[in-house]
Amino acid sequence: MSVLELSDASRIIAGVVLITIVTIEFGGYFMTKIVRGQVPMTDFQKSFARAGHAHAGVLVTLSLICLVLADATSLDGFFGWVGRIGVPLAAILMSAGFFAASAGRGRTQPNGAIAVLWVGAASLAAGTLTLGLGLLTA
């Protein structure tokens, strides 16, 4: 039987990512308040809250998988870090972008903070593309 051994970088990042799941749980609790009508929001804001919460959960899960995969590549240095940190960073930035872009009483369109969402999307693309190419060339 083979034992999976994570690099120190992947182990530390995975530990931090797992700890952040508590914030996603809090977001789930907040979502229950929204759907019960206890938090006044426009339909636009409800949609962005759902999207922010969903992206956080999915991307945190994906980031844990990517850390294991990163250790199966020969990526090191700058590209090793991009492959390891791109997806966890995207989880933070994309969910923050959804929430921040919809902040404000009665908002029906995104504000300028929508740019944070696009920075997160770029981080997701950089991380997954780097990791994918690293796996194909390992």
C-alpha atoms as a PDB file:
ATOM      1  CA  MET A   1       0.000   0.000   0.000  1.00  0.00           C
ATOM      2  CA  SER A   2       1.293   3.421  -0.967  1.00  0.00           C
ATOM      3  CA  VAL A   3       1.154   6.278   1.535  1.00  0.00           C
ATOM      4  CA  LEU A   4       0.322   9.763   0.324  1.00  0.00           C
ATOM      5  CA  GLU A   5       2.798  12.292   1.583  1.00  0.00           C
ATOM      6  CA  LEU A   6       2.144  16.000   1.097  1.00  0.00           C
ATOM      7  CA  SER A   7       4.868  18.580   0.691  1.00  0.00           C
ATOM      8  CA  ASP A   8       5.173  21.057   3.547  1.00  0.00           C
ATOM      9  CA  ALA A   9       3.664  23.807   1.358  1.00  0.00           C
ATOM     10  CA  SER A  10       0.625  21.708   0.426  1.00  0.00           C
ATOM     11  CA  ARG A  11       0.148  20.492   3.993  1.00  0.00           C
ATOM     12  CA  ILE A  12       0.156  24.034   5.408  1.00  0.00           C
ATOM     13  CA  ILE A  13      -2.144  25.410   2.713  1.00  0.00           C
ATOM     14  CA  ALA A  14      -4.529  22.450   3.183  1.00  0.00           C
ATOM     15  CA  GLY A  15      -4.620  23.084   6.933  1.00  0.00           C
ATOM     16  CA  VAL A  16      -5.487  26.740   6.432  1.00  0.00           C
ATOM     17  CA  VAL A  17      -8.110  25.877   3.786  1.00  0.00           C
ATOM     18  CA  LEU A  18      -9.779  23.362   6.113  1.00  0.00           C
ATOM     19  CA  ILE A  19      -9.940  25.962   8.887  1.00  0.00           C
ATOM     20  CA  THR A  20     -11.680  28.421   6.521  1.00  0.00           C
ATOM     21  CA  ILE A  21     -14.582  25.982   6.125  1.00  0.00           C
ATOM     22  CA  VAL A  22     -15.969  27.431   9.373  1.00  0.00           C
ATOM     23  CA  THR A  23     -16.536  30.719   7.517  1.00  0.00           C
ATOM     24  CA  ILE A  24     -18.403  28.860   4.774  1.00  0.00           C
ATOM     25  CA  GLU A  25     -20.564  27.239   7.458  1.00  0.00           C
ATOM     26  CA  PHE A  26     -21.349  30.689   8.845  1.00  0.00           C
ATOM     27  CA  GLY A  27     -22.268  31.743   5.307  1.00  0.00           C
ATOM     28  CA  GLY A  28     -24.673  28.794   5.132  1.00  0.00           C
ATOM     29  CA  TYR A  29     -26.319  29.929   8.350  1.00  0.00           C
ATOM     30  CA  PHE A  30     -26.596  33.445   6.936  1.00  0.00           C
ATOM     31  CA  MET A  31     -28.174  31.981   3.764  1.00  0.00           C
ATOM     32  CA  THR A  32     -30.899  30.370   5.909  1.00  0.00           C
ATOM     33  CA  LYS A  33     -31.696  33.814   7.318  1.00  0.00           C
ATOM     34  CA  ILE A  34     -31.925  35.219   3.788  1.00  0.00           C
ATOM     35  CA  VAL A  35     -34.302  32.534   2.532  1.00  0.00           C
ATOM     36  CA  ARG A  36     -36.505  32.959   5.621  1.00  0.00           C
ATOM     37  CA  GLY A  37     -36.809  36.663   4.808  1.00  0.00           C
ATOM     38  CA  GLN A  38     -34.971  37.799   7.948  1.00  0.00           C
ATOM     39  CA  VAL A  39     -32.434  39.758   5.909  1.00  0.00           C
ATOM     40  CA  PRO A  40     -33.946  42.270   3.480  1.00  0.00           C
ATOM     41  CA  MET A  41     -32.352  41.825   0.050  1.00  0.00           C
ATOM     42  CA  THR A  42     -33.248  42.405  -3.552  1.00  0.00           C
ATOM     43  CA  ASP A  43     -33.496  39.433  -5.898  1.00  0.00           C
ATOM     44  CA  PHE A  44     -30.154  40.492  -7.366  1.00  0.00           C
ATOM     45  CA  GLN A  45     -28.519  40.462  -3.925  1.00  0.00           C
ATOM     46  CA  LYS A  46     -30.007  37.055  -3.105  1.00  0.00           C
ATOM     47  CA  SER A  47     -28.632  35.656  -6.353  1.00  0.00           C
ATOM     48  CA  PHE A  48     -25.167  37.040  -5.677  1.00  0.00           C
ATOM     49  CA  ALA A  49     -25.252  35.749  -2.073  1.00  0.00           C
ATOM     50  CA  ARG A  50     -26.084  32.262  -3.366  1.00  0.00           C
ATOM     51  CA  ALA A  51     -23.342  32.481  -5.977  1.00  0.00           C
ATOM     52  CA  GLY A  52     -20.765  33.711  -3.462  1.00  0.00           C
ATOM     53  CA  HIS A  53     -21.580  30.942  -1.007  1.00  0.00           C
ATOM     54  CA  ALA A  54     -21.605  28.232  -3.695  1.00  0.00           C
ATOM     55  CA  HIS A  55     -18.320  29.357  -5.231  1.00  0.00           C
ATOM     56  CA  ALA A  56     -16.644  29.358  -1.819  1.00  0.00           C
ATOM     57  CA  GLY A  57     -17.709  25.792  -1.066  1.00  0.00           C
ATOM     58  CA  VAL A  58     -16.919  24.327  -4.463  1.00  0.00           C
ATOM     59  CA  LEU A  59     -13.593  26.094  -4.883  1.00  0.00           C
ATOM     60  CA  VAL A  60     -12.400  25.199  -1.376  1.00  0.00           C
ATOM     61  CA  THR A  61     -13.127  21.550  -2.155  1.00  0.00           C
ATOM     62  CA  LEU A  62     -11.376  21.823  -5.520  1.00  0.00           C
ATOM     63  CA  SER A  63      -8.392  23.525  -3.883  1.00  0.00           C
ATOM     64  CA  LEU A  64      -7.838  20.546  -1.571  1.00  0.00           C
ATOM     65  CA  ILE A  65      -7.794  18.214  -4.568  1.00  0.00           C
ATOM     66  CA  CYS A  66      -5.417  20.547  -6.414  1.00  0.00           C
ATOM     67  CA  LEU A  67      -2.958  20.480  -3.524  1.00  0.00           C
ATOM     68  CA  VAL A  68      -2.684  16.702  -3.744  1.00  0.00           C
ATOM     69  CA  LEU A  69      -2.328  16.919  -7.517  1.00  0.00           C
ATOM     70  CA  ALA A  70       0.319  19.641  -7.249  1.00  0.00           C
ATOM     71  CA  ASP A  71       2.511  17.251  -5.311  1.00  0.00           C
ATOM     72  CA  ALA A  72       2.193  14.747  -8.191  1.00  0.00           C
ATOM     73  CA  THR A  73       3.863  17.204 -10.586  1.00  0.00           C
ATOM     74  CA  SER A  74       7.411  18.415 -10.985  1.00  0.00           C
ATOM     75  CA  LEU A  75       6.283  22.036 -10.554  1.00  0.00           C
ATOM     76  CA  ASP A  76       8.452  24.040  -8.207  1.00  0.00           C
ATOM     77  CA  GLY A  77       9.322  27.648  -7.525  1.00  0.00           C
ATOM     78  CA  PHE A  78       6.938  30.234  -8.944  1.00  0.00           C
ATOM     79  CA  PHE A  79       4.863  27.730 -10.936  1.00  0.00           C
ATOM     80  CA  GLY A  80       4.661  25.378  -7.958  1.00  0.00           C
ATOM     81  CA  TRP A  81       3.162  28.202  -5.919  1.00  0.00           C
ATOM     82  CA  VAL A  82       0.742  29.223  -8.683  1.00  0.00           C
ATOM     83  CA  GLY A  83      -0.442  25.611  -8.936  1.00  0.00           C
ATOM     84  CA  ARG A  84      -0.923  25.362  -5.172  1.00  0.00           C
ATOM     85  CA  ILE A  85      -2.337  28.786  -4.290  1.00  0.00           C
ATOM     86  CA  GLY A  86      -4.318  29.776  -7.421  1.00  0.00           C
ATOM     87  CA  VAL A  87      -7.500  27.872  -6.576  1.00  0.00           C
ATOM     88  CA  PRO A  88      -7.626  28.645  -2.816  1.00  0.00           C
ATOM     89  CA  LEU A  89      -7.046  32.304  -3.633  1.00  0.00           C
ATOM     90  CA  ALA A  90      -9.835  32.140  -6.223  1.00  0.00           C
ATOM     91  CA  ALA A  91     -12.186  30.762  -3.548  1.00  0.00           C
ATOM     92  CA  ILE A  92     -11.560  33.849  -1.444  1.00  0.00           C
ATOM     93  CA  LEU A  93     -11.593  36.415  -4.228  1.00  0.00           C
ATOM     94  CA  MET A  94     -14.557  35.099  -6.202  1.00  0.00           C
ATOM     95  CA  SER A  95     -16.845  34.712  -3.205  1.00  0.00           C
ATOM     96  CA  ALA A  96     -15.717  38.087  -1.830  1.00  0.00           C
ATOM     97  CA  GLY A  97     -16.363  39.634  -5.240  1.00  0.00           C
ATOM     98  CA  PHE A  98     -19.945  38.354  -5.310  1.00  0.00           C
ATOM     99  CA  PHE A  99     -20.657  39.604  -1.789  1.00  0.00           C
ATOM    100  CA  ALA A 100     -18.909  42.965  -2.112  1.00  0.00           C
ATOM    101  CA  ALA A 101     -20.376  43.699  -5.554  1.00  0.00           C
ATOM    102  CA  SER A 102     -23.901  43.327  -4.171  1.00  0.00           C
ATOM    103  CA  ALA A 103     -23.381  45.209  -0.904  1.00  0.00           C
ATOM    104  CA  GLY A 104     -25.602  48.172  -0.154  1.00  0.00           C
ATOM    105  CA  ARG A 105     -29.256  48.701   0.617  1.00  0.00           C
ATOM    106  CA  GLY A 106     -31.579  47.967  -2.318  1.00  0.00           C
ATOM    107  CA  ARG A 107     -28.815  47.251  -4.841  1.00  0.00           C
ATOM    108  CA  THR A 108     -30.028  45.811  -8.159  1.00  0.00           C
ATOM    109  CA  GLN A 109     -26.738  45.838 -10.095  1.00  0.00           C
ATOM    110  CA  PRO A 110     -23.136  45.086  -9.195  1.00  0.00           C
ATOM    111  CA  ASN A 111     -20.948  47.919  -7.960  1.00  0.00           C
ATOM    112  CA  GLY A 112     -17.270  48.422  -8.785  1.00  0.00           C
ATOM    113  CA  ALA A 113     -16.220  45.599  -6.448  1.00  0.00           C
ATOM    114  CA  ILE A 114     -17.225  43.200  -9.227  1.00  0.00           C
ATOM    115  CA  ALA A 115     -13.588  43.587 -10.324  1.00  0.00           C
ATOM    116  CA  VAL A 116     -12.595  41.381  -7.359  1.00  0.00           C
ATOM    117  CA  LEU A 117     -14.672  38.570  -8.871  1.00  0.00           C
ATOM    118  CA  TRP A 118     -12.740  38.840 -12.150  1.00  0.00           C
ATOM    119  CA  VAL A 119      -9.382  38.855 -10.347  1.00  0.00           C
ATOM    120  CA  GLY A 120     -10.534  35.658  -8.646  1.00  0.00           C
ATOM    121  CA  ALA A 121     -11.511  34.156 -11.997  1.00  0.00           C
ATOM    122  CA  ALA A 122      -8.030  34.964 -13.301  1.00  0.00           C
ATOM    123  CA  SER A 123      -6.503  33.287 -10.231  1.00  0.00           C
ATOM    124  CA  LEU A 124      -8.650  30.194 -10.846  1.00  0.00           C
ATOM    125  CA  ALA A 125      -7.583  30.075 -14.491  1.00  0.00           C
ATOM    126  CA  ALA A 126      -3.902  30.555 -13.635  1.00  0.00           C
ATOM    127  CA  GLY A 127      -3.953  27.893 -10.933  1.00  0.00           C
ATOM    128  CA  THR A 128      -5.831  25.237 -12.884  1.00  0.00           C
ATOM    129  CA  LEU A 129      -3.991  25.875 -16.154  1.00  0.00           C
ATOM    130  CA  THR A 130      -0.604  25.745 -14.440  1.00  0.00           C
ATOM    131  CA  LEU A 131      -1.513  22.596 -12.548  1.00  0.00           C
ATOM    132  CA  GLY A 132      -3.024  20.919 -15.608  1.00  0.00           C
ATOM    133  CA  LEU A 133       0.073  21.606 -17.699  1.00  0.00           C
ATOM    134  CA  GLY A 134       2.269  20.478 -14.802  1.00  0.00           C
ATOM    135  CA  LEU A 135       0.424  17.173 -14.634  1.00  0.00           C
ATOM    136  CA  LEU A 136       0.648  16.648 -18.389  1.00  0.00           C
ATOM    137  CA  THR A 137       4.400  17.266 -18.404  1.00  0.00           C
ATOM    138  CA  ALA A 138       5.277  15.414 -15.165  1.00  0.00           C
END
